[in-house]
PDB file of N, CA and C in Angstrom:
ATOM      1  N   MET A   1       3.796 -12.604  -1.425  1.00  0.00           N
ATOM      2  CA  MET A   1       3.448 -11.547  -2.332  1.00  0.00           C
ATOM      3  C   MET A   1       2.015 -11.112  -2.047  1.00  0.00           C
ATOM      4  N   MET A   2       1.822  -9.816  -1.872  1.00  0.00           N
ATOM      5  CA  MET A   2       0.484  -9.296  -1.572  1.00  0.00           C
ATOM      6  C   MET A   2      -0.347  -9.164  -2.840  1.00  0.00           C
ATOM      7  N   GLN A   3      -1.635  -9.283  -2.660  1.00  0.00           N
ATOM      8  CA  GLN A   3      -2.597  -9.131  -3.743  1.00  0.00           C
ATOM      9  C   GLN A   3      -3.528  -7.972  -3.411  1.00  0.00           C
ATOM     10  N   VAL A   4      -4.202  -7.473  -4.425  1.00  0.00           N
ATOM     11  CA  VAL A   4      -5.214  -6.452  -4.202  1.00  0.00           C
ATOM     12  C   VAL A   4      -6.247  -7.016  -3.230  1.00  0.00           C
ATOM     13  N   SER A   5      -6.791  -6.187  -2.376  1.00  0.00           N
ATOM     14  CA  SER A   5      -7.794  -6.552  -1.362  1.00  0.00           C
ATOM     15  C   SER A   5      -7.181  -7.277  -0.165  1.00  0.00           C
ATOM     16  N   GLU A   6      -5.867  -7.129   0.038  1.00  0.00           N
ATOM     17  CA  GLU A   6      -5.222  -7.698   1.210  1.00  0.00           C
ATOM     18  C   GLU A   6      -4.547  -6.597   2.015  1.00  0.00           C
ATOM     19  N   LYS A   7      -4.237  -6.926   3.282  1.00  0.00           N
ATOM     20  CA  LYS A   7      -3.536  -5.970   4.139  1.00  0.00           C
ATOM     21  C   LYS A   7      -2.421  -6.708   4.883  1.00  0.00           C
ATOM     22  N   THR A   8      -1.408  -5.958   5.290  1.00  0.00           N
ATOM     23  CA  THR A   8      -0.283  -6.501   6.031  1.00  0.00           C
ATOM     24  C   THR A   8       0.196  -5.458   7.028  1.00  0.00           C
ATOM     25  N   THR A   9       1.015  -5.892   7.987  1.00  0.00           N
ATOM     26  CA  THR A   9       1.557  -4.992   8.998  1.00  0.00           C
ATOM     27  C   THR A   9       3.066  -5.176   9.070  1.00  0.00           C
ATOM     28  N   LEU A  10       3.796  -4.056   9.028  1.00  0.00           N
ATOM     29  CA  LEU A  10       5.237  -4.081   9.249  1.00  0.00           C
ATOM     30  C   LEU A  10       5.434  -4.202  10.751  1.00  0.00           C
ATOM     31  N   THR A  11       5.982  -5.362  11.208  1.00  0.00           N
ATOM     32  CA  THR A  11       6.111  -5.619  12.633  1.00  0.00           C
ATOM     33  C   THR A  11       7.515  -5.331  13.154  1.00  0.00           C
ATOM     34  N   LYS A  12       8.531  -5.535  12.340  1.00  0.00           N
ATOM     35  CA  LYS A  12       9.925  -5.223  12.648  1.00  0.00           C
ATOM     36  C   LYS A  12      10.532  -4.680  11.356  1.00  0.00           C
ATOM     37  N   ALA A  13      11.711  -4.101  11.453  1.00  0.00           N
ATOM     38  CA  ALA A  13      12.366  -3.597  10.254  1.00  0.00           C
ATOM     39  C   ALA A  13      12.440  -4.709   9.212  1.00  0.00           C
ATOM     40  N   ASN A  14      11.836  -4.485   8.060  1.00  0.00           N
ATOM     41  CA  ASN A  14      11.832  -5.416   6.920  1.00  0.00           C
ATOM     42  C   ASN A  14      11.091  -6.727   7.171  1.00  0.00           C
ATOM     43  N   GLU A  15      10.211  -6.794   8.161  1.00  0.00           N
ATOM     44  CA  GLU A  15       9.424  -7.993   8.412  1.00  0.00           C
ATOM     45  C   GLU A  15       7.944  -7.638   8.417  1.00  0.00           C
ATOM     46  N   PHE A  16       7.202  -8.250   7.498  1.00  0.00           N
ATOM     47  CA  PHE A  16       5.770  -8.003   7.378  1.00  0.00           C
ATOM     48  C   PHE A  16       4.993  -9.223   7.847  1.00  0.00           C
ATOM     49  N   SER A  17       3.806  -8.990   8.379  1.00  0.00           N
ATOM     50  CA  SER A  17       2.916 -10.093   8.744  1.00  0.00           C
ATOM     51  C   SER A  17       2.401 -10.747   7.461  1.00  0.00           C
ATOM     52  N   ALA A  18       1.882 -11.965   7.609  1.00  0.00           N
ATOM     53  CA  ALA A  18       1.279 -12.640   6.460  1.00  0.00           C
ATOM     54  C   ALA A  18       0.081 -11.824   5.976  1.00  0.00           C
ATOM     55  N   PRO A  19      -0.113 -11.711   4.669  1.00  0.00           N
ATOM     56  CA  PRO A  19      -1.267 -10.959   4.158  1.00  0.00           C
ATOM     57  C   PRO A  19      -2.587 -11.551   4.653  1.00  0.00           C
ATOM     58  N   GLN A  20      -3.532 -10.664   4.954  1.00  0.00           N
ATOM     59  CA  GLN A  20      -4.861 -11.058   5.398  1.00  0.00           C
ATOM     60  C   GLN A  20      -5.884 -10.372   4.506  1.00  0.00           C
ATOM     61  N   ALA A  21      -7.110 -10.861   4.535  1.00  0.00           N
ATOM     62  CA  ALA A  21      -8.185 -10.239   3.771  1.00  0.00           C
ATOM     63  C   ALA A  21      -8.351  -8.796   4.234  1.00  0.00           C
ATOM     64  N   GLY A  22      -8.542  -7.900   3.273  1.00  0.00           N
ATOM     65  CA  GLY A  22      -8.717  -6.489   3.582  1.00  0.00           C
ATOM     66  C   GLY A  22      -9.915  -5.929   2.851  1.00  0.00           C
ATOM     67  N   THR A  23      -9.869  -4.656   2.532  1.00  0.00           N
ATOM     68  CA  THR A  23     -10.944  -3.965   1.830  1.00  0.00           C
ATOM     69  C   THR A  23     -10.857  -4.254   0.340  1.00  0.00           C
ATOM     70  N   ALA A  24     -11.980  -4.561  -0.297  1.00  0.00           N
ATOM     71  CA  ALA A  24     -12.011  -4.875  -1.730  1.00  0.00           C
ATOM     72  C   ALA A  24     -11.394  -3.748  -2.553  1.00  0.00           C
ATOM     73  N   GLY A  25     -10.467  -4.106  -3.453  1.00  0.00           N
ATOM     74  CA  GLY A  25      -9.849  -3.142  -4.352  1.00  0.00           C
ATOM     75  C   GLY A  25      -8.736  -2.317  -3.734  1.00  0.00           C
ATOM     76  N   ILE A  26      -8.394  -2.568  -2.474  1.00  0.00           N
ATOM     77  CA  ILE A  26      -7.397  -1.770  -1.758  1.00  0.00           C
ATOM     78  C   ILE A  26      -6.255  -2.675  -1.294  1.00  0.00           C
ATOM     79  N   LEU A  27      -5.024  -2.207  -1.413  1.00  0.00           N
ATOM     80  CA  LEU A  27      -3.856  -2.864  -0.837  1.00  0.00           C
ATOM     81  C   LEU A  27      -3.435  -2.004   0.342  1.00  0.00           C
ATOM     82  N   GLU A  28      -3.341  -2.581   1.536  1.00  0.00           N
ATOM     83  CA  GLU A  28      -3.076  -1.796   2.743  1.00  0.00           C
ATOM     84  C   GLU A  28      -1.862  -2.338   3.490  1.00  0.00           C
ATOM     85  N   ALA A  29      -0.965  -1.430   3.895  1.00  0.00           N
ATOM     86  CA  ALA A  29       0.186  -1.797   4.719  1.00  0.00           C
ATOM     87  C   ALA A  29       0.263  -0.829   5.889  1.00  0.00           C
ATOM     88  N   GLN A  30       0.347  -1.368   7.104  1.00  0.00           N
ATOM     89  CA  GLN A  30       0.443  -0.543   8.305  1.00  0.00           C
ATOM     90  C   GLN A  30       1.832  -0.692   8.892  1.00  0.00           C
ATOM     91  N   ASN A  31       2.399   0.422   9.385  1.00  0.00           N
ATOM     92  CA  ASN A  31       3.722   0.408   9.983  1.00  0.00           C
ATOM     93  C   ASN A  31       3.584   0.410  11.504  1.00  0.00           C
ATOM     94  N   HIS A  32       3.868  -0.736  12.118  1.00  0.00           N
ATOM     95  CA  HIS A  32       3.852  -0.880  13.577  1.00  0.00           C
ATOM     96  C   HIS A  32       5.232  -1.312  14.069  1.00  0.00           C
ATOM     97  N   SER A  33       6.267  -0.975  13.314  1.00  0.00           N
ATOM     98  CA  SER A  33       7.605  -1.468  13.628  1.00  0.00           C
ATOM     99  C   SER A  33       8.274  -0.722  14.773  1.00  0.00           C
ATOM    100  N   LEU A  34       7.995   0.562  14.911  1.00  0.00           N
ATOM    101  CA  LEU A  34       8.671   1.399  15.893  1.00  0.00           C
ATOM    102  C   LEU A  34      10.191   1.254  15.776  1.00  0.00           C
ATOM    103  N   ALA A  35      10.652   1.003  14.548  1.00  0.00           N
ATOM    104  CA  ALA A  35      12.082   0.788  14.304  1.00  0.00           C
ATOM    105  C   ALA A  35      12.783   2.099  13.960  1.00  0.00           C
ATOM    106  N   ASP A  36      14.074   2.160  14.300  1.00  0.00           N
ATOM    107  CA  ASP A  36      14.880   3.323  13.962  1.00  0.00           C
ATOM    108  C   ASP A  36      15.372   3.277  12.525  1.00  0.00           C
ATOM    109  N   SER A  37      15.448   2.082  11.953  1.00  0.00           N
ATOM    110  CA  SER A  37      15.937   1.964  10.578  1.00  0.00           C
ATOM    111  C   SER A  37      14.784   2.072   9.593  1.00  0.00           C
ATOM    112  N   ILE A  38      15.113   2.401   8.370  1.00  0.00           N
ATOM    113  CA  ILE A  38      14.101   2.526   7.317  1.00  0.00           C
ATOM    114  C   ILE A  38      13.988   1.186   6.609  1.00  0.00           C
ATOM    115  N   PRO A  39      12.791   0.594   6.545  1.00  0.00           N
ATOM    116  CA  PRO A  39      12.631  -0.695   5.872  1.00  0.00           C
ATOM    117  C   PRO A  39      12.726  -0.538   4.354  1.00  0.00           C
ATOM    118  N   MET A  40      12.982  -1.649   3.679  1.00  0.00           N
ATOM    119  CA  MET A  40      12.950  -1.645   2.220  1.00  0.00           C
ATOM    120  C   MET A  40      11.497  -1.401   1.810  1.00  0.00           C
ATOM    121  N   PRO A  41      11.231  -0.386   0.976  1.00  0.00           N
ATOM    122  CA  PRO A  41       9.844  -0.046   0.663  1.00  0.00           C
ATOM    123  C   PRO A  41       9.157  -1.030  -0.269  1.00  0.00           C
ATOM    124  N   LEU A  42       7.922  -1.336   0.050  1.00  0.00           N
ATOM    125  CA  LEU A  42       7.034  -2.056  -0.849  1.00  0.00           C
ATOM    126  C   LEU A  42       6.382  -1.015  -1.744  1.00  0.00           C
ATOM    127  N   LEU A  43       5.886   0.023  -1.128  1.00  0.00           N
ATOM    128  CA  LEU A  43       5.406   1.239  -1.784  1.00  0.00           C
ATOM    129  C   LEU A  43       6.005   2.392  -0.998  1.00  0.00           C
ATOM    130  N   TYR A  44       6.279   3.491  -1.643  1.00  0.00           N
ATOM    131  CA  TYR A  44       6.861   4.618  -0.929  1.00  0.00           C
ATOM    132  C   TYR A  44       5.899   5.784  -0.916  1.00  0.00           C
ATOM    133  N   PHE A  45       5.616   6.297   0.266  1.00  0.00           N
ATOM    134  CA  PHE A  45       4.788   7.479   0.441  1.00  0.00           C
ATOM    135  C   PHE A  45       5.590   8.459   1.290  1.00  0.00           C
ATOM    136  N   SER A  46       5.849   9.633   0.765  1.00  0.00           N
ATOM    137  CA  SER A  46       6.608  10.619   1.545  1.00  0.00           C
ATOM    138  C   SER A  46       5.733  11.179   2.664  1.00  0.00           C
ATOM    139  N   ASP A  47       6.370  11.643   3.712  1.00  0.00           N
ATOM    140  CA  ASP A  47       5.705  12.285   4.847  1.00  0.00           C
ATOM    141  C   ASP A  47       4.739  11.378   5.612  1.00  0.00           C
ATOM    142  N   VAL A  48       4.991  10.067   5.634  1.00  0.00           N
ATOM    143  CA  VAL A  48       4.197   9.147   6.446  1.00  0.00           C
ATOM    144  C   VAL A  48       5.101   8.679   7.574  1.00  0.00           C
ATOM    145  N   GLN A  49       4.723   8.999   8.787  1.00  0.00           N
ATOM    146  CA  GLN A  49       5.566   8.729   9.956  1.00  0.00           C
ATOM    147  C   GLN A  49       5.301   7.344  10.536  1.00  0.00           C
ATOM    148  N   ASP A  50       6.229   6.893  11.373  1.00  0.00           N
ATOM    149  CA  ASP A  50       6.115   5.627  12.069  1.00  0.00           C
ATOM    150  C   ASP A  50       4.797   5.594  12.845  1.00  0.00           C
ATOM    151  N   GLY A  51       4.081   4.493  12.765  1.00  0.00           N
ATOM    152  CA  GLY A  51       2.800   4.360  13.450  1.00  0.00           C
ATOM    153  C   GLY A  51       1.627   4.915  12.656  1.00  0.00           C
ATOM    154  N   SER A  52       1.906   5.487  11.493  1.00  0.00           N
ATOM    155  CA  SER A  52       0.843   6.051  10.658  1.00  0.00           C
ATOM    156  C   SER A  52       0.185   4.968   9.816  1.00  0.00           C
ATOM    157  N   HIS A  53      -0.972   5.280   9.266  1.00  0.00           N
ATOM    158  CA  HIS A  53      -1.696   4.375   8.376  1.00  0.00           C
ATOM    159  C   HIS A  53      -1.864   5.077   7.040  1.00  0.00           C
ATOM    160  N   ILE A  54      -1.772   4.300   5.969  1.00  0.00           N
ATOM    161  CA  ILE A  54      -2.018   4.836   4.632  1.00  0.00           C
ATOM    162  C   ILE A  54      -2.685   3.752   3.804  1.00  0.00           C
ATOM    163  N   THR A  55      -3.557   4.148   2.920  1.00  0.00           N
ATOM    164  CA  THR A  55      -4.265   3.217   2.051  1.00  0.00           C
ATOM    165  C   THR A  55      -4.014   3.618   0.606  1.00  0.00           C
ATOM    166  N   ALA A  56      -3.722   2.637  -0.241  1.00  0.00           N
ATOM    167  CA  ALA A  56      -3.482   2.891  -1.660  1.00  0.00           C
ATOM    168  C   ALA A  56      -4.435   2.029  -2.474  1.00  0.00           C
ATOM    169  N   LYS A  57      -5.002   2.610  -3.509  1.00  0.00           N
ATOM    170  CA  LYS A  57      -5.869   1.843  -4.403  1.00  0.00           C
ATOM    171  C   LYS A  57      -5.030   1.335  -5.563  1.00  0.00           C
ATOM    172  N   PHE A  58      -5.027   0.029  -5.765  1.00  0.00           N
ATOM    173  CA  PHE A  58      -4.266  -0.617  -6.820  1.00  0.00           C
ATOM    174  C   PHE A  58      -5.092  -0.578  -8.100  1.00  0.00           C
ATOM    175  N   SER A  59      -4.612   0.108  -9.122  1.00  0.00           N
ATOM    176  CA  SER A  59      -5.377   0.200 -10.376  1.00  0.00           C
ATOM    177  C   SER A  59      -4.432   0.137 -11.575  1.00  0.00           C
ATOM    178  N   PRO A  60      -3.923  -1.063 -11.882  1.00  0.00           N
ATOM    179  CA  PRO A  60      -3.012  -1.203 -13.017  1.00  0.00           C
ATOM    180  C   PRO A  60      -3.765  -1.138 -14.339  1.00  0.00           C
ATOM    181  N   VAL A  61      -3.190  -0.453 -15.302  1.00  0.00           N
ATOM    182  CA  VAL A  61      -3.803  -0.314 -16.617  1.00  0.00           C
ATOM    183  C   VAL A  61      -2.789  -0.736 -17.675  1.00  0.00           C
ATOM    184  N   LEU A  62      -3.208  -1.609 -18.580  1.00  0.00           N
ATOM    185  CA  LEU A  62      -2.394  -2.026 -19.711  1.00  0.00           C
ATOM    186  C   LEU A  62      -2.768  -1.137 -20.889  1.00  0.00           C
ATOM    187  N   ARG A  63      -1.749  -0.574 -21.558  1.00  0.00           N
ATOM    188  CA  ARG A  63      -2.000   0.326 -22.684  1.00  0.00           C
ATOM    189  C   ARG A  63      -1.231  -0.138 -23.909  1.00  0.00           C
ATOM    190  N   ALA A  64      -1.822   0.059 -25.086  1.00  0.00           N
ATOM    191  CA  ALA A  64      -1.157  -0.237 -26.360  1.00  0.00           C
ATOM    192  C   ALA A  64      -0.963   1.084 -27.104  1.00  0.00           C
ATOM    193  N   TYR A  65       0.261   1.274 -27.594  1.00  0.00           N
ATOM    194  CA  TYR A  65       0.618   2.497 -28.316  1.00  0.00           C
ATOM    195  C   TYR A  65       1.078   2.147 -29.718  1.00  0.00           C
ATOM    196  N   VAL A  66       0.964   3.125 -30.628  1.00  0.00           N
ATOM    197  CA  VAL A  66       1.447   2.960 -31.994  1.00  0.00           C
ATOM    198  C   VAL A  66       2.563   3.957 -32.225  1.00  0.00           C
ATOM    199  N   THR A  67       3.681   3.453 -32.755  1.00  0.00           N
ATOM    200  CA  THR A  67       4.800   4.321 -33.096  1.00  0.00           C
ATOM    201  C   THR A  67       5.584   3.700 -34.236  1.00  0.00           C
ATOM    202  N   SER A  68       6.186   4.523 -35.060  1.00  0.00           N
ATOM    203  CA  SER A  68       7.014   4.006 -36.153  1.00  0.00           C
ATOM    204  C   SER A  68       8.469   3.871 -35.722  1.00  0.00           C
ATOM    205  N   ASP A  69       8.832   4.455 -34.582  1.00  0.00           N
ATOM    206  CA  ASP A  69      10.201   4.419 -34.084  1.00  0.00           C
ATOM    207  C   ASP A  69      10.271   3.597 -32.808  1.00  0.00           C
ATOM    208  N   TYR A  70      10.117   2.259 -32.933  1.00  0.00           N
ATOM    209  CA  TYR A  70      10.101   1.397 -31.760  1.00  0.00           C
ATOM    210  C   TYR A  70      11.437   1.446 -31.037  1.00  0.00           C
ATOM    211  N   GLU A  71      11.355   1.565 -29.726  1.00  0.00           N
ATOM    212  CA  GLU A  71      12.521   1.490 -28.870  1.00  0.00           C
ATOM    213  C   GLU A  71      12.039   0.991 -27.520  1.00  0.00           C
ATOM    214  N   GLU A  72      12.714  -0.036 -26.973  1.00  0.00           N
ATOM    215  CA  GLU A  72      12.306  -0.558 -25.672  1.00  0.00           C
ATOM    216  C   GLU A  72      12.441   0.535 -24.625  1.00  0.00           C
ATOM    217  N   THR A  73      11.423   0.660 -23.774  1.00  0.00           N
ATOM    218  CA  THR A  73      11.430   1.702 -22.750  1.00  0.00           C
ATOM    219  C   THR A  73      10.818   1.180 -21.469  1.00  0.00           C
ATOM    220  N   ARG A  74      11.161   1.788 -20.370  1.00  0.00           N
ATOM    221  CA  ARG A  74      10.561   1.450 -19.077  1.00  0.00           C
ATOM    222  C   ARG A  74       9.908   2.678 -18.459  1.00  0.00           C
ATOM    223  N   GLY A  75       9.877   3.761 -19.187  1.00  0.00           N
ATOM    224  CA  GLY A  75       9.298   4.990 -18.670  1.00  0.00           C
ATOM    225  C   GLY A  75       8.156   5.466 -19.550  1.00  0.00           C
ATOM    226  N   GLN A  76       8.056   6.765 -19.678  1.00  0.00           N
ATOM    227  CA  GLN A  76       7.010   7.389 -20.487  1.00  0.00           C
ATOM    228  C   GLN A  76       7.123   6.946 -21.937  1.00  0.00           C
ATOM    229  N   VAL A  77       5.998   6.643 -22.566  1.00  0.00           N
ATOM    230  CA  VAL A  77       5.967   6.216 -23.959  1.00  0.00           C
ATOM    231  C   VAL A  77       5.439   7.356 -24.812  1.00  0.00           C
ATOM    232  N   ASP A  78       6.168   7.651 -25.890  1.00  0.00           N
ATOM    233  CA  ASP A  78       5.695   8.641 -26.854  1.00  0.00           C
ATOM    234  C   ASP A  78       5.036   7.897 -27.998  1.00  0.00           C
ATOM    235  N   GLY A  79       3.817   8.231 -28.283  1.00  0.00           N
ATOM    236  CA  GLY A  79       3.073   7.559 -29.346  1.00  0.00           C
ATOM    237  C   GLY A  79       1.597   7.716 -29.091  1.00  0.00           C
ATOM    238  N   ARG A  80       0.823   7.278 -30.044  1.00  0.00           N
ATOM    239  CA  ARG A  80      -0.630   7.394 -29.947  1.00  0.00           C
ATOM    240  C   ARG A  80      -1.190   6.159 -29.252  1.00  0.00           C
ATOM    241  N   GLU A  81      -1.887   6.395 -28.133  1.00  0.00           N
ATOM    242  CA  GLU A  81      -2.528   5.278 -27.430  1.00  0.00           C
ATOM    243  C   GLU A  81      -3.724   4.819 -28.243  1.00  0.00           C
ATOM    244  N   VAL A  82      -3.771   3.511 -28.573  1.00  0.00           N
ATOM    245  CA  VAL A  82      -4.896   2.985 -29.347  1.00  0.00           C
ATOM    246  C   VAL A  82      -5.835   2.130 -28.519  1.00  0.00           C
ATOM    247  N   TRP A  83      -5.386   1.793 -27.288  1.00  0.00           N
ATOM    248  CA  TRP A  83      -6.200   0.901 -26.477  1.00  0.00           C
ATOM    249  C   TRP A  83      -5.713   0.935 -25.039  1.00  0.00           C
ATOM    250  N   SER A  84      -6.625   0.806 -24.080  1.00  0.00           N
ATOM    251  CA  SER A  84      -6.251   0.647 -22.675  1.00  0.00           C
ATOM    252  C   SER A  84      -7.286  -0.234 -21.992  1.00  0.00           C
ATOM    253  N   GLN A  85      -6.838  -0.961 -20.967  1.00  0.00           N
ATOM    254  CA  GLN A  85      -7.718  -1.885 -20.263  1.00  0.00           C
ATOM    255  C   GLN A  85      -7.283  -1.976 -18.810  1.00  0.00           C
ATOM    256  N   ASP A  86      -8.238  -1.913 -17.888  1.00  0.00           N
ATOM    257  CA  ASP A  86      -7.970  -2.097 -16.463  1.00  0.00           C
ATOM    258  C   ASP A  86      -7.654  -3.574 -16.236  1.00  0.00           C
ATOM    259  N   LEU A  87      -6.445  -3.867 -15.783  1.00  0.00           N
ATOM    260  CA  LEU A  87      -6.020  -5.256 -15.612  1.00  0.00           C
ATOM    261  C   LEU A  87      -6.802  -5.997 -14.538  1.00  0.00           C
ATOM    262  N   THR A  88      -7.359  -5.283 -13.567  1.00  0.00           N
ATOM    263  CA  THR A  88      -8.100  -5.967 -12.506  1.00  0.00           C
ATOM    264  C   THR A  88      -9.410  -6.549 -13.024  1.00  0.00           C
ATOM    265  N   GLY A  89      -9.865  -6.117 -14.201  1.00  0.00           N
ATOM    266  CA  GLY A  89     -11.100  -6.632 -14.777  1.00  0.00           C
ATOM    267  C   GLY A  89     -10.887  -7.744 -15.781  1.00  0.00           C
ATOM    268  N   LEU A  90      -9.637  -8.138 -16.016  1.00  0.00           N
ATOM    269  CA  LEU A  90      -9.344  -9.175 -16.999  1.00  0.00           C
ATOM    270  C   LEU A  90      -9.221 -10.549 -16.347  1.00  0.00           C
ATOM    271  N   ALA A  91      -9.498 -11.570 -17.137  1.00  0.00           N
ATOM    272  CA  ALA A  91      -9.290 -12.949 -16.684  1.00  0.00           C
ATOM    273  C   ALA A  91      -7.786 -13.210 -16.580  1.00  0.00           C
ATOM    274  N   GLN A  92      -7.407 -14.305 -15.944  1.00  0.00           N
ATOM    275  CA  GLN A  92      -5.997 -14.662 -15.774  1.00  0.00           C
ATOM    276  C   GLN A  92      -5.279 -14.728 -17.130  1.00  0.00           C
ATOM    277  N   ASN A  93      -5.929 -15.307 -18.143  1.00  0.00           N
ATOM    278  CA  ASN A  93      -5.374 -15.398 -19.492  1.00  0.00           C
ATOM    279  C   ASN A  93      -6.370 -14.797 -20.471  1.00  0.00           C
ATOM    280  N   THR A  94      -5.916 -13.866 -21.276  1.00  0.00           N
ATOM    281  CA  THR A  94      -6.768 -13.259 -22.295  1.00  0.00           C
ATOM    282  C   THR A  94      -5.993 -13.130 -23.590  1.00  0.00           C
ATOM    283  N   THR A  95      -6.697 -13.102 -24.698  1.00  0.00           N
ATOM    284  CA  THR A  95      -6.089 -12.949 -26.017  1.00  0.00           C
ATOM    285  C   THR A  95      -6.764 -11.790 -26.724  1.00  0.00           C
ATOM    286  N   TRP A  96      -5.944 -10.945 -27.362  1.00  0.00           N
ATOM    287  CA  TRP A  96      -6.439  -9.765 -28.049  1.00  0.00           C
ATOM    288  C   TRP A  96      -5.925  -9.751 -29.476  1.00  0.00           C
ATOM    289  N   ASN A  97      -6.715  -9.198 -30.382  1.00  0.00           N
ATOM    290  CA  ASN A  97      -6.313  -9.043 -31.779  1.00  0.00           C
ATOM    291  C   ASN A  97      -6.051  -7.576 -32.067  1.00  0.00           C
ATOM    292  N   LEU A  98      -4.906  -7.293 -32.692  1.00  0.00           N
ATOM    293  CA  LEU A  98      -4.592  -5.955 -33.163  1.00  0.00           C
ATOM    294  C   LEU A  98      -4.829  -5.961 -34.662  1.00  0.00           C
ATOM    295  N   GLU A  99      -5.729  -5.105 -35.117  1.00  0.00           N
ATOM    296  CA  GLU A  99      -6.091  -5.087 -36.533  1.00  0.00           C
ATOM    297  C   GLU A  99      -5.906  -3.694 -37.111  1.00  0.00           C
ATOM    298  N   ARG A 100      -5.473  -3.649 -38.359  1.00  0.00           N
ATOM    299  CA  ARG A 100      -5.294  -2.378 -39.074  1.00  0.00           C
ATOM    300  C   ARG A 100      -6.254  -2.353 -40.251  1.00  0.00           C
ATOM    301  N   ASN A 101      -7.063  -1.290 -40.321  1.00  0.00           N
ATOM    302  CA  ASN A 101      -7.979  -1.103 -41.431  1.00  0.00           C
ATOM    303  C   ASN A 101      -7.160  -0.623 -42.634  1.00  0.00           C
ATOM    304  N   SER A 102      -7.120  -1.417 -43.700  1.00  0.00           N
ATOM    305  CA  SER A 102      -6.284  -1.077 -44.860  1.00  0.00           C
ATOM    306  C   SER A 102      -6.765   0.173 -45.600  1.00  0.00           C
ATOM    307  N   TRP A 103      -8.034   0.524 -45.453  1.00  0.00           N
ATOM    308  CA  TRP A 103      -8.565   1.723 -46.123  1.00  0.00           C
ATOM    309  C   TRP A 103      -8.232   2.997 -45.351  1.00  0.00           C
ATOM    310  N   THR A 104      -8.392   2.956 -44.033  1.00  0.00           N
ATOM    311  CA  THR A 104      -8.203   4.166 -43.227  1.00  0.00           C
ATOM    312  C   THR A 104      -6.841   4.212 -42.526  1.00  0.00           C
ATOM    313  N   GLY A 105      -6.224   3.039 -42.355  1.00  0.00           N
ATOM    314  CA  GLY A 105      -4.963   2.988 -41.612  1.00  0.00           C
ATOM    315  C   GLY A 105      -5.164   2.963 -40.103  1.00  0.00           C
ATOM    316  N   ASN A 106      -6.415   3.032 -39.653  1.00  0.00           N
ATOM    317  CA  ASN A 106      -6.697   3.023 -38.219  1.00  0.00           C
ATOM    318  C   ASN A 106      -6.460   1.647 -37.619  1.00  0.00           C
ATOM    319  N   LEU A 107      -5.988   1.643 -36.383  1.00  0.00           N
ATOM    320  CA  LEU A 107      -5.758   0.404 -35.652  1.00  0.00           C
ATOM    321  C   LEU A 107      -6.835   0.220 -34.596  1.00  0.00           C
ATOM    322  N   SER A 108      -7.168  -1.040 -34.333  1.00  0.00           N
ATOM    323  CA  SER A 108      -8.119  -1.341 -33.267  1.00  0.00           C
ATOM    324  C   SER A 108      -7.686  -2.614 -32.559  1.00  0.00           C
ATOM    325  N   VAL A 109      -8.030  -2.712 -31.296  1.00  0.00           N
ATOM    326  CA  VAL A 109      -7.734  -3.886 -30.486  1.00  0.00           C
ATOM    327  C   VAL A 109      -9.072  -4.460 -30.053  1.00  0.00           C
ATOM    328  N   THR A 110      -9.262  -5.752 -30.315  1.00  0.00           N
ATOM    329  CA  THR A 110     -10.519  -6.425 -29.949  1.00  0.00           C
ATOM    330  C   THR A 110     -10.213  -7.710 -29.204  1.00  0.00           C
ATOM    331  N   HIS A 111     -11.122  -8.090 -28.302  1.00  0.00           N
ATOM    332  CA  HIS A 111     -10.977  -9.335 -27.574  1.00  0.00           C
ATOM    333  C   HIS A 111     -11.177 -10.493 -28.551  1.00  0.00           C
ATOM    334  N   ALA A 112     -10.273 -11.471 -28.492  1.00  0.00           N
ATOM    335  CA  ALA A 112     -10.338 -12.611 -29.428  1.00  0.00           C
ATOM    336  C   ALA A 112     -11.359 -13.628 -28.965  1.00  0.00           C
TER     337      ALA A 112
END
């Protein structure tokens, strides 16, 4: 499994080299397969040809939303965002408190 700041090379169809140290904050994959088949994508970028190079910046963000009509979703969330945090800046384990002000009804998220 690749991590941010590592790079790998596609050497044959669906075969990647072991991850190596790369540029800080960047996940890099190079296609040197010269294969006729399309590999299973790790990331998909349209219009990138065999032998090309592409760099992607990994920037995951965790967001908390408020809604009265909860429904599990895997796509776009409708609701008011009350908090967001860049996951690359968090420790491996963190705890957060969600608090509601009883006078105003406003919600806030604070580090515990």
